[in-house]
């Protein structure tokens, strides 16, 4: 497996967009990556907008972000909650400073806005938060995937195949 030495962390809270968490999480595991899910509390069942449950492997305060190669932020309504946790913002800032992959899709851009890392960056998101992204200093593009260095962004569930491919290729060093 080409990603067997890579570690992925997905952050979660209730009302995540189900497919935007599940698809990349399993897609990178298919390539051999170790994938964990972290929430405010460990061992909690978090439910997506459509009822898909995921159990957090760790709490935010149990995570050593230095151990991870990728940070994934799913969309849905969870990003509005996730951006209120200092630990999550610290994860984003660390990954950005160290040029490690940050994947964000749909409303997940809110977390990156709150972390203050979008000024001058090329991104996409759900069109519903385009103005928020632009007001944070980002250059917004209406494309299924936008890659700007280590930042990989996508718009919505129909773009998941392109998003998953971009994440896997970037993590493999292609």
N, C-alpha and C. Protein backbone atom coordinates (compact mmCIF):
# COMPACT_ATOMS: atom_id res chain seq x y z
N UNK A 1 0.83 -1.18 0.00
CA UNK A 1 0.00 0.00 0.00
C UNK A 1 0.88 1.25 0.00
N UNK A 2 0.56 2.20 -0.87
CA UNK A 2 1.44 3.34 -1.05
C UNK A 2 1.40 4.36 0.08
N UNK A 3 0.39 4.32 0.94
CA UNK A 3 0.31 5.28 2.04
C UNK A 3 0.46 4.63 3.40
N UNK A 4 1.08 3.47 3.46
CA UNK A 4 1.14 2.70 4.71
C UNK A 4 1.91 3.39 5.82
N UNK A 5 2.73 4.37 5.50
CA UNK A 5 3.48 5.08 6.54
C UNK A 5 2.87 6.44 6.87
N UNK A 6 1.64 6.69 6.44
CA UNK A 6 1.00 7.99 6.62
C UNK A 6 -0.14 7.92 7.62
N UNK A 7 -0.34 9.05 8.34
CA UNK A 7 -1.40 9.13 9.34
C UNK A 7 -2.31 10.32 9.04
N UNK A 8 -3.61 10.05 9.15
CA UNK A 8 -4.63 11.03 8.82
C UNK A 8 -5.51 11.26 10.04
N UNK A 9 -5.79 12.52 10.33
CA UNK A 9 -6.71 12.86 11.41
C UNK A 9 -7.89 13.62 10.85
N UNK A 10 -9.09 13.14 11.15
CA UNK A 10 -10.32 13.84 10.80
C UNK A 10 -10.93 14.37 12.09
N UNK A 11 -11.28 15.66 12.09
CA UNK A 11 -11.94 16.24 13.26
C UNK A 11 -13.45 16.20 13.03
N UNK A 12 -14.19 16.01 14.12
CA UNK A 12 -15.64 15.80 13.98
C UNK A 12 -16.41 16.48 15.10
N UNK A 13 -17.62 16.84 14.77
CA UNK A 13 -18.64 17.23 15.74
C UNK A 13 -19.97 16.83 15.12
N UNK A 14 -21.04 16.96 15.87
CA UNK A 14 -22.35 16.56 15.37
C UNK A 14 -22.75 17.38 14.14
N UNK A 15 -23.54 16.74 13.28
CA UNK A 15 -24.09 17.34 12.07
C UNK A 15 -23.05 17.60 10.98
N UNK A 16 -22.00 16.74 10.96
CA UNK A 16 -21.08 16.78 9.82
C UNK A 16 -21.83 16.30 8.59
N UNK A 17 -21.34 16.66 7.42
CA UNK A 17 -21.92 16.13 6.18
C UNK A 17 -21.41 14.70 6.04
N UNK A 18 -22.29 13.74 6.13
CA UNK A 18 -21.96 12.32 6.23
C UNK A 18 -20.93 11.87 5.20
N UNK A 19 -21.21 12.09 3.93
CA UNK A 19 -20.31 11.60 2.88
C UNK A 19 -18.97 12.32 2.88
N UNK A 20 -18.94 13.56 3.33
CA UNK A 20 -17.69 14.33 3.33
C UNK A 20 -16.73 13.90 4.43
N UNK A 21 -17.23 13.19 5.41
CA UNK A 21 -16.35 12.58 6.42
C UNK A 21 -16.02 11.14 6.00
N UNK A 22 -17.04 10.36 5.70
CA UNK A 22 -16.85 8.94 5.43
C UNK A 22 -16.00 8.67 4.20
N UNK A 23 -16.29 9.34 3.10
CA UNK A 23 -15.58 9.03 1.85
C UNK A 23 -14.07 9.25 1.96
N UNK A 24 -13.58 10.43 2.33
CA UNK A 24 -12.12 10.59 2.39
C UNK A 24 -11.47 9.73 3.48
N UNK A 25 -12.19 9.53 4.59
CA UNK A 25 -11.66 8.71 5.68
C UNK A 25 -11.33 7.29 5.18
N UNK A 26 -12.30 6.69 4.50
CA UNK A 26 -12.08 5.33 4.01
C UNK A 26 -11.23 5.29 2.74
N UNK A 27 -11.32 6.33 1.93
CA UNK A 27 -10.52 6.38 0.71
C UNK A 27 -9.03 6.33 1.03
N UNK A 28 -8.60 7.09 2.02
CA UNK A 28 -7.18 7.09 2.39
C UNK A 28 -6.79 5.81 3.11
N UNK A 29 -7.72 5.21 3.84
CA UNK A 29 -7.45 3.90 4.44
C UNK A 29 -7.25 2.84 3.36
N UNK A 30 -8.03 2.92 2.28
CA UNK A 30 -7.87 1.98 1.17
C UNK A 30 -6.45 2.00 0.61
N UNK A 31 -5.83 3.16 0.68
CA UNK A 31 -4.45 3.31 0.19
C UNK A 31 -3.42 2.95 1.25
N UNK A 32 -3.89 2.54 2.43
CA UNK A 32 -2.98 2.07 3.46
C UNK A 32 -2.71 3.03 4.60
N UNK A 33 -3.27 4.23 4.55
CA UNK A 33 -3.05 5.21 5.62
C UNK A 33 -3.75 4.78 6.90
N UNK A 34 -3.20 5.18 8.01
CA UNK A 34 -3.84 5.01 9.31
C UNK A 34 -4.71 6.24 9.51
N UNK A 35 -5.99 6.04 9.76
CA UNK A 35 -6.93 7.16 9.86
C UNK A 35 -7.63 7.15 11.20
N UNK A 36 -7.58 8.28 11.89
CA UNK A 36 -8.24 8.46 13.18
C UNK A 36 -9.26 9.57 13.10
N UNK A 37 -10.24 9.48 14.00
CA UNK A 37 -11.26 10.52 14.12
C UNK A 37 -11.19 11.07 15.54
N UNK A 38 -11.15 12.40 15.65
CA UNK A 38 -11.09 13.04 16.96
C UNK A 38 -12.24 14.02 17.11
N UNK A 39 -12.84 14.00 18.31
CA UNK A 39 -13.90 14.93 18.67
C UNK A 39 -13.60 15.54 20.02
N UNK A 40 -14.48 16.36 20.50
CA UNK A 40 -14.28 16.99 21.81
C UNK A 40 -14.05 15.92 22.88
N UNK A 41 -14.73 14.78 22.73
CA UNK A 41 -14.57 13.67 23.67
C UNK A 41 -14.25 12.39 22.90
N UNK A 42 -13.48 11.50 23.51
CA UNK A 42 -13.15 10.21 22.91
C UNK A 42 -14.29 9.23 23.15
N UNK A 43 -14.48 8.31 22.19
CA UNK A 43 -15.46 7.26 22.36
C UNK A 43 -16.91 7.71 22.26
N UNK A 44 -17.14 8.88 21.73
CA UNK A 44 -18.49 9.42 21.59
C UNK A 44 -19.00 9.13 20.19
N UNK A 45 -20.28 8.82 20.09
CA UNK A 45 -20.91 8.65 18.78
C UNK A 45 -21.37 10.03 18.31
N UNK A 46 -20.78 10.46 17.21
CA UNK A 46 -21.18 11.72 16.57
C UNK A 46 -22.03 11.35 15.36
N UNK A 47 -23.15 12.05 15.19
CA UNK A 47 -24.04 11.73 14.07
C UNK A 47 -23.98 12.82 13.02
N UNK A 48 -23.95 12.36 11.77
CA UNK A 48 -23.96 13.27 10.65
C UNK A 48 -25.35 13.85 10.42
N UNK A 49 -25.43 14.78 9.48
CA UNK A 49 -26.71 15.42 9.15
C UNK A 49 -27.76 14.41 8.71
N UNK A 50 -27.30 13.32 8.07
CA UNK A 50 -28.23 12.30 7.60
C UNK A 50 -28.28 11.08 8.50
N UNK A 51 -27.69 11.19 9.69
CA UNK A 51 -27.79 10.13 10.68
C UNK A 51 -26.67 9.12 10.71
N UNK A 52 -25.67 9.24 9.82
CA UNK A 52 -24.55 8.29 9.83
C UNK A 52 -23.73 8.52 11.11
N UNK A 53 -23.53 7.47 11.90
CA UNK A 53 -22.75 7.63 13.12
C UNK A 53 -21.27 7.32 12.91
N UNK A 54 -20.42 8.08 13.58
CA UNK A 54 -19.01 7.74 13.68
C UNK A 54 -18.62 7.87 15.14
N UNK A 55 -17.68 7.04 15.57
CA UNK A 55 -17.21 7.09 16.95
C UNK A 55 -15.82 7.71 16.95
N UNK A 56 -15.62 8.69 17.80
CA UNK A 56 -14.32 9.34 17.89
C UNK A 56 -13.31 8.38 18.55
N UNK A 57 -12.17 8.25 17.91
CA UNK A 57 -11.09 7.43 18.47
C UNK A 57 -10.42 8.14 19.64
N UNK A 58 -10.33 9.46 19.52
CA UNK A 58 -9.61 10.28 20.51
C UNK A 58 -10.37 11.57 20.77
N UNK A 59 -10.05 12.18 21.89
CA UNK A 59 -10.52 13.55 22.14
C UNK A 59 -9.46 14.50 21.59
N UNK A 60 -9.85 15.73 21.35
CA UNK A 60 -8.89 16.70 20.83
C UNK A 60 -7.66 16.81 21.73
N UNK A 61 -7.87 16.80 23.04
CA UNK A 61 -6.74 16.99 23.95
C UNK A 61 -5.83 15.76 24.04
N UNK A 62 -6.22 14.64 23.45
CA UNK A 62 -5.36 13.45 23.41
C UNK A 62 -4.47 13.43 22.15
N UNK A 63 -4.71 14.33 21.24
CA UNK A 63 -4.02 14.32 19.95
C UNK A 63 -2.69 15.07 20.02
N UNK A 64 -1.66 14.43 19.50
CA UNK A 64 -0.39 15.11 19.24
C UNK A 64 -0.37 15.33 17.73
N UNK A 65 -0.73 16.52 17.29
CA UNK A 65 -0.89 16.79 15.87
C UNK A 65 0.41 16.57 15.09
N UNK A 66 1.53 16.63 15.76
CA UNK A 66 2.82 16.40 15.10
C UNK A 66 2.92 14.99 14.53
N UNK A 67 2.09 14.06 15.01
CA UNK A 67 2.11 12.68 14.54
C UNK A 67 1.39 12.48 13.21
N UNK A 68 0.70 13.51 12.72
CA UNK A 68 -0.17 13.36 11.55
C UNK A 68 0.37 14.06 10.31
N UNK A 69 0.11 13.42 9.17
CA UNK A 69 0.51 13.94 7.87
C UNK A 69 -0.61 14.73 7.20
N UNK A 70 -1.84 14.45 7.60
CA UNK A 70 -3.02 15.07 6.99
C UNK A 70 -4.03 15.40 8.07
N UNK A 71 -4.66 16.58 7.91
CA UNK A 71 -5.79 16.96 8.74
C UNK A 71 -6.97 17.15 7.81
N UNK A 72 -8.06 16.43 8.06
CA UNK A 72 -9.27 16.55 7.26
C UNK A 72 -10.37 17.21 8.08
N UNK A 73 -11.02 18.18 7.44
CA UNK A 73 -12.15 18.86 8.06
C UNK A 73 -13.36 18.65 7.14
N UNK A 74 -14.34 17.85 7.56
CA UNK A 74 -15.53 17.65 6.74
C UNK A 74 -16.46 18.85 6.86
N UNK A 75 -17.39 18.93 5.93
CA UNK A 75 -18.35 20.03 5.93
C UNK A 75 -19.59 19.70 6.73
N UNK A 76 -20.71 20.23 6.27
CA UNK A 76 -21.95 20.14 7.02
C UNK A 76 -22.03 21.30 7.98
N UNK A 77 -22.74 21.09 9.09
CA UNK A 77 -22.85 22.15 10.09
C UNK A 77 -21.79 22.00 11.18
N UNK A 78 -21.07 20.90 11.20
CA UNK A 78 -20.03 20.68 12.21
C UNK A 78 -18.94 21.76 12.20
N UNK A 79 -18.51 22.27 11.03
CA UNK A 79 -17.45 23.27 11.06
C UNK A 79 -17.78 24.51 11.90
N UNK A 80 -19.06 24.87 11.95
CA UNK A 80 -19.44 26.02 12.77
C UNK A 80 -19.18 25.75 14.25
N UNK A 81 -19.23 24.48 14.63
CA UNK A 81 -18.92 24.09 16.01
C UNK A 81 -17.41 23.90 16.18
N UNK A 82 -16.79 23.23 15.20
CA UNK A 82 -15.36 22.92 15.29
C UNK A 82 -14.49 24.17 15.41
N UNK A 83 -14.89 25.24 14.76
CA UNK A 83 -14.07 26.45 14.78
C UNK A 83 -14.08 27.14 16.13
N UNK A 84 -14.90 26.67 17.04
CA UNK A 84 -14.96 27.24 18.39
C UNK A 84 -14.00 26.55 19.37
N UNK A 85 -13.36 25.47 18.92
CA UNK A 85 -12.42 24.74 19.76
C UNK A 85 -10.99 25.20 19.48
N UNK A 86 -10.33 25.71 20.51
CA UNK A 86 -8.95 26.17 20.34
C UNK A 86 -8.05 25.06 19.84
N UNK A 87 -8.29 23.82 20.30
CA UNK A 87 -7.45 22.71 19.86
C UNK A 87 -7.53 22.51 18.35
N UNK A 88 -8.72 22.60 17.80
CA UNK A 88 -8.89 22.41 16.35
C UNK A 88 -8.18 23.53 15.59
N UNK A 89 -8.33 24.75 16.05
CA UNK A 89 -7.65 25.87 15.40
C UNK A 89 -6.14 25.71 15.50
N UNK A 90 -5.67 25.23 16.64
CA UNK A 90 -4.23 24.96 16.80
C UNK A 90 -3.77 23.87 15.84
N UNK A 91 -4.59 22.83 15.63
CA UNK A 91 -4.24 21.78 14.66
C UNK A 91 -4.06 22.38 13.28
N UNK A 92 -5.01 23.21 12.87
CA UNK A 92 -4.97 23.83 11.54
C UNK A 92 -3.72 24.70 11.41
N UNK A 93 -3.46 25.51 12.40
CA UNK A 93 -2.29 26.41 12.35
C UNK A 93 -0.99 25.62 12.29
N UNK A 94 -0.89 24.55 13.08
CA UNK A 94 0.32 23.72 13.06
C UNK A 94 0.52 23.10 11.68
N UNK A 95 -0.53 22.51 11.15
CA UNK A 95 -0.42 21.85 9.84
C UNK A 95 -0.04 22.86 8.77
N UNK A 96 -0.60 24.04 8.83
CA UNK A 96 -0.28 25.07 7.85
C UNK A 96 1.17 25.53 7.98
N UNK A 97 1.60 25.84 9.18
CA UNK A 97 2.99 26.28 9.42
C UNK A 97 4.00 25.26 8.94
N UNK A 98 3.67 23.99 9.11
CA UNK A 98 4.60 22.90 8.78
C UNK A 98 4.34 22.30 7.40
N UNK A 99 3.47 22.97 6.65
CA UNK A 99 3.16 22.58 5.28
C UNK A 99 2.75 21.12 5.15
N UNK A 100 1.91 20.70 6.08
CA UNK A 100 1.31 19.38 6.03
C UNK A 100 -0.09 19.52 5.43
N UNK A 101 -0.57 18.48 4.83
CA UNK A 101 -1.82 18.55 4.08
C UNK A 101 -3.01 18.86 4.98
N UNK A 102 -3.80 19.84 4.53
CA UNK A 102 -5.08 20.16 5.14
C UNK A 102 -6.13 19.98 4.05
N UNK A 103 -7.08 19.09 4.30
CA UNK A 103 -8.18 18.88 3.37
C UNK A 103 -9.45 19.48 3.96
N UNK A 104 -10.12 20.30 3.18
CA UNK A 104 -11.37 20.89 3.65
C UNK A 104 -12.37 20.89 2.51
N UNK A 105 -13.61 20.61 2.87
CA UNK A 105 -14.67 20.53 1.86
C UNK A 105 -15.94 21.21 2.38
N UNK A 106 -16.64 21.85 1.46
CA UNK A 106 -17.95 22.44 1.74
C UNK A 106 -17.85 23.59 2.74
N UNK A 107 -18.52 23.47 3.89
CA UNK A 107 -18.50 24.51 4.92
C UNK A 107 -17.25 24.44 5.81
N UNK A 108 -16.36 23.49 5.58
CA UNK A 108 -15.16 23.35 6.40
C UNK A 108 -14.26 24.58 6.31
N UNK A 109 -14.43 25.37 5.27
CA UNK A 109 -13.66 26.60 5.14
C UNK A 109 -13.82 27.52 6.34
N UNK A 110 -14.97 27.43 7.03
CA UNK A 110 -15.16 28.25 8.22
C UNK A 110 -14.07 28.00 9.26
N UNK A 111 -13.62 26.76 9.38
CA UNK A 111 -12.58 26.43 10.37
C UNK A 111 -11.27 27.09 9.97
N UNK A 112 -10.93 27.05 8.69
CA UNK A 112 -9.70 27.66 8.22
C UNK A 112 -9.77 29.18 8.33
N UNK A 113 -10.96 29.75 8.11
CA UNK A 113 -11.15 31.19 8.31
C UNK A 113 -10.85 31.55 9.76
N UNK A 114 -11.43 30.80 10.69
CA UNK A 114 -11.23 31.09 12.11
C UNK A 114 -9.79 30.88 12.54
N UNK A 115 -9.07 29.99 11.85
CA UNK A 115 -7.65 29.77 12.15
C UNK A 115 -6.77 30.86 11.53
N UNK A 116 -7.35 31.67 10.66
CA UNK A 116 -6.61 32.79 10.08
C UNK A 116 -5.55 32.43 9.06
N UNK A 117 -5.79 31.35 8.27
CA UNK A 117 -4.73 30.90 7.36
C UNK A 117 -5.06 31.11 5.88
N UNK A 118 -6.14 31.80 5.55
CA UNK A 118 -6.57 31.84 4.16
C UNK A 118 -6.10 33.06 3.35
N UNK A 119 -5.53 34.04 3.98
CA UNK A 119 -5.13 35.25 3.26
C UNK A 119 -4.17 34.90 2.12
N UNK A 120 -4.57 35.27 0.90
CA UNK A 120 -3.73 35.03 -0.27
C UNK A 120 -3.75 33.61 -0.80
N UNK A 121 -4.60 32.75 -0.25
CA UNK A 121 -4.64 31.34 -0.65
C UNK A 121 -5.73 31.11 -1.68
N UNK A 122 -5.49 30.17 -2.59
CA UNK A 122 -6.48 29.75 -3.57
C UNK A 122 -7.29 28.61 -2.97
N UNK A 123 -8.61 28.76 -2.98
CA UNK A 123 -9.49 27.76 -2.37
C UNK A 123 -10.81 27.66 -3.12
N UNK A 124 -11.57 26.65 -2.74
CA UNK A 124 -12.98 26.56 -3.10
C UNK A 124 -13.73 26.13 -1.85
N UNK A 125 -15.04 26.14 -1.96
CA UNK A 125 -15.92 25.74 -0.86
C UNK A 125 -17.32 25.66 -1.44
N UNK A 126 -18.28 25.36 -0.60
CA UNK A 126 -19.65 25.50 -1.05
C UNK A 126 -19.85 26.97 -1.41
N UNK A 127 -20.56 27.26 -2.49
CA UNK A 127 -20.77 28.66 -2.84
C UNK A 127 -21.43 29.48 -1.72
N UNK A 128 -22.12 28.81 -0.81
CA UNK A 128 -22.79 29.50 0.29
C UNK A 128 -21.85 30.24 1.22
N UNK A 129 -20.57 29.86 1.28
CA UNK A 129 -19.63 30.58 2.13
C UNK A 129 -18.53 31.27 1.31
N UNK A 130 -18.78 31.41 0.01
CA UNK A 130 -17.81 32.10 -0.86
C UNK A 130 -17.45 33.47 -0.28
N UNK A 131 -18.44 34.27 0.08
CA UNK A 131 -18.17 35.61 0.60
C UNK A 131 -17.32 35.55 1.87
N UNK A 132 -17.57 34.58 2.74
CA UNK A 132 -16.78 34.43 3.96
C UNK A 132 -15.32 34.15 3.61
N UNK A 133 -15.12 33.28 2.63
CA UNK A 133 -13.76 32.91 2.21
C UNK A 133 -13.04 34.13 1.62
N UNK A 134 -13.73 34.85 0.75
CA UNK A 134 -13.14 36.05 0.12
C UNK A 134 -12.86 37.11 1.17
N UNK A 135 -13.78 37.31 2.09
CA UNK A 135 -13.57 38.31 3.15
C UNK A 135 -12.42 37.94 4.07
N UNK A 136 -12.06 36.66 4.12
CA UNK A 136 -10.90 36.21 4.91
C UNK A 136 -9.60 36.35 4.12
N UNK A 137 -9.71 36.84 2.87
CA UNK A 137 -8.51 37.09 2.07
C UNK A 137 -8.18 36.02 1.06
N UNK A 138 -9.05 35.01 0.93
CA UNK A 138 -8.79 33.92 -0.01
C UNK A 138 -9.19 34.32 -1.43
N UNK A 139 -8.57 33.64 -2.38
CA UNK A 139 -8.94 33.75 -3.79
C UNK A 139 -9.82 32.54 -4.09
N UNK A 140 -11.12 32.75 -4.24
CA UNK A 140 -12.09 31.67 -4.35
C UNK A 140 -12.30 31.27 -5.81
N UNK A 141 -12.32 29.96 -6.06
CA UNK A 141 -12.54 29.41 -7.40
C UNK A 141 -13.71 28.44 -7.37
N UNK A 142 -14.55 28.47 -8.37
CA UNK A 142 -15.68 27.56 -8.46
C UNK A 142 -15.25 26.32 -9.25
N UNK A 143 -14.46 25.47 -8.60
CA UNK A 143 -13.92 24.25 -9.21
C UNK A 143 -14.11 23.10 -8.25
N UNK A 144 -14.14 21.86 -8.78
CA UNK A 144 -14.39 20.71 -7.90
C UNK A 144 -13.28 20.50 -6.88
N UNK A 145 -12.05 20.81 -7.24
CA UNK A 145 -10.92 20.72 -6.31
C UNK A 145 -9.96 21.86 -6.62
N UNK A 146 -9.47 22.49 -5.58
CA UNK A 146 -8.43 23.50 -5.73
C UNK A 146 -7.28 23.10 -4.81
N UNK A 147 -6.09 23.04 -5.39
CA UNK A 147 -4.89 22.69 -4.61
C UNK A 147 -3.98 23.91 -4.60
N UNK A 148 -3.65 24.36 -3.40
CA UNK A 148 -2.71 25.47 -3.23
C UNK A 148 -1.67 24.99 -2.23
N UNK A 149 -0.56 24.48 -2.76
CA UNK A 149 0.47 23.91 -1.89
C UNK A 149 -0.08 22.71 -1.15
N UNK A 150 -0.08 22.79 0.16
CA UNK A 150 -0.55 21.68 1.00
C UNK A 150 -2.04 21.79 1.35
N UNK A 151 -2.70 22.82 0.85
CA UNK A 151 -4.12 23.03 1.12
C UNK A 151 -4.95 22.49 -0.04
N UNK A 152 -5.84 21.53 0.26
CA UNK A 152 -6.70 20.93 -0.76
C UNK A 152 -8.14 21.20 -0.35
N UNK A 153 -8.87 21.87 -1.24
CA UNK A 153 -10.25 22.22 -0.93
C UNK A 153 -11.19 21.72 -2.02
N UNK A 154 -12.44 21.49 -1.61
CA UNK A 154 -13.44 20.99 -2.53
C UNK A 154 -14.79 21.59 -2.16
N UNK A 155 -15.75 21.55 -3.11
CA UNK A 155 -17.02 22.25 -2.93
C UNK A 155 -18.09 21.49 -2.17
N UNK A 156 -18.36 20.24 -2.61
CA UNK A 156 -19.55 19.54 -2.10
C UNK A 156 -19.49 18.05 -2.46
N UNK A 157 -20.44 17.24 -1.95
CA UNK A 157 -20.39 15.80 -2.16
C UNK A 157 -20.19 15.32 -3.61
N UNK A 158 -20.81 15.91 -4.63
CA UNK A 158 -20.55 15.40 -5.98
C UNK A 158 -19.07 15.50 -6.41
N UNK A 159 -18.29 16.33 -5.70
CA UNK A 159 -16.87 16.51 -6.02
C UNK A 159 -15.97 15.53 -5.26
N UNK A 160 -16.56 14.66 -4.45
CA UNK A 160 -15.75 13.76 -3.61
C UNK A 160 -14.78 12.87 -4.39
N UNK A 161 -15.12 12.31 -5.55
CA UNK A 161 -14.12 11.51 -6.26
C UNK A 161 -12.85 12.30 -6.59
N UNK A 162 -13.01 13.53 -7.07
CA UNK A 162 -11.84 14.35 -7.39
C UNK A 162 -11.09 14.75 -6.12
N UNK A 163 -11.82 15.04 -5.05
CA UNK A 163 -11.22 15.41 -3.77
C UNK A 163 -10.42 14.24 -3.19
N UNK A 164 -11.03 13.05 -3.17
CA UNK A 164 -10.33 11.87 -2.66
C UNK A 164 -9.08 11.56 -3.45
N UNK A 165 -9.16 11.67 -4.76
CA UNK A 165 -8.00 11.43 -5.62
C UNK A 165 -6.90 12.44 -5.33
N UNK A 166 -7.26 13.71 -5.22
CA UNK A 166 -6.27 14.75 -4.95
C UNK A 166 -5.58 14.52 -3.61
N UNK A 167 -6.35 14.16 -2.59
CA UNK A 167 -5.77 13.89 -1.27
C UNK A 167 -4.79 12.72 -1.34
N UNK A 168 -5.21 11.63 -1.95
CA UNK A 168 -4.36 10.43 -2.04
C UNK A 168 -3.08 10.71 -2.83
N UNK A 169 -3.21 11.42 -3.94
CA UNK A 169 -2.03 11.72 -4.76
C UNK A 169 -1.06 12.65 -4.03
N UNK A 170 -1.59 13.68 -3.37
CA UNK A 170 -0.73 14.61 -2.65
C UNK A 170 0.00 13.89 -1.51
N UNK A 171 -0.73 13.05 -0.81
CA UNK A 171 -0.14 12.31 0.32
C UNK A 171 0.91 11.32 -0.16
N UNK A 172 0.73 10.78 -1.36
CA UNK A 172 1.71 9.85 -1.94
C UNK A 172 2.91 10.58 -2.54
N UNK A 173 2.83 11.92 -2.58
CA UNK A 173 3.94 12.70 -3.11
C UNK A 173 3.93 12.88 -4.61
N UNK A 174 2.77 12.70 -5.22
CA UNK A 174 2.67 12.87 -6.68
C UNK A 174 2.37 14.30 -7.04
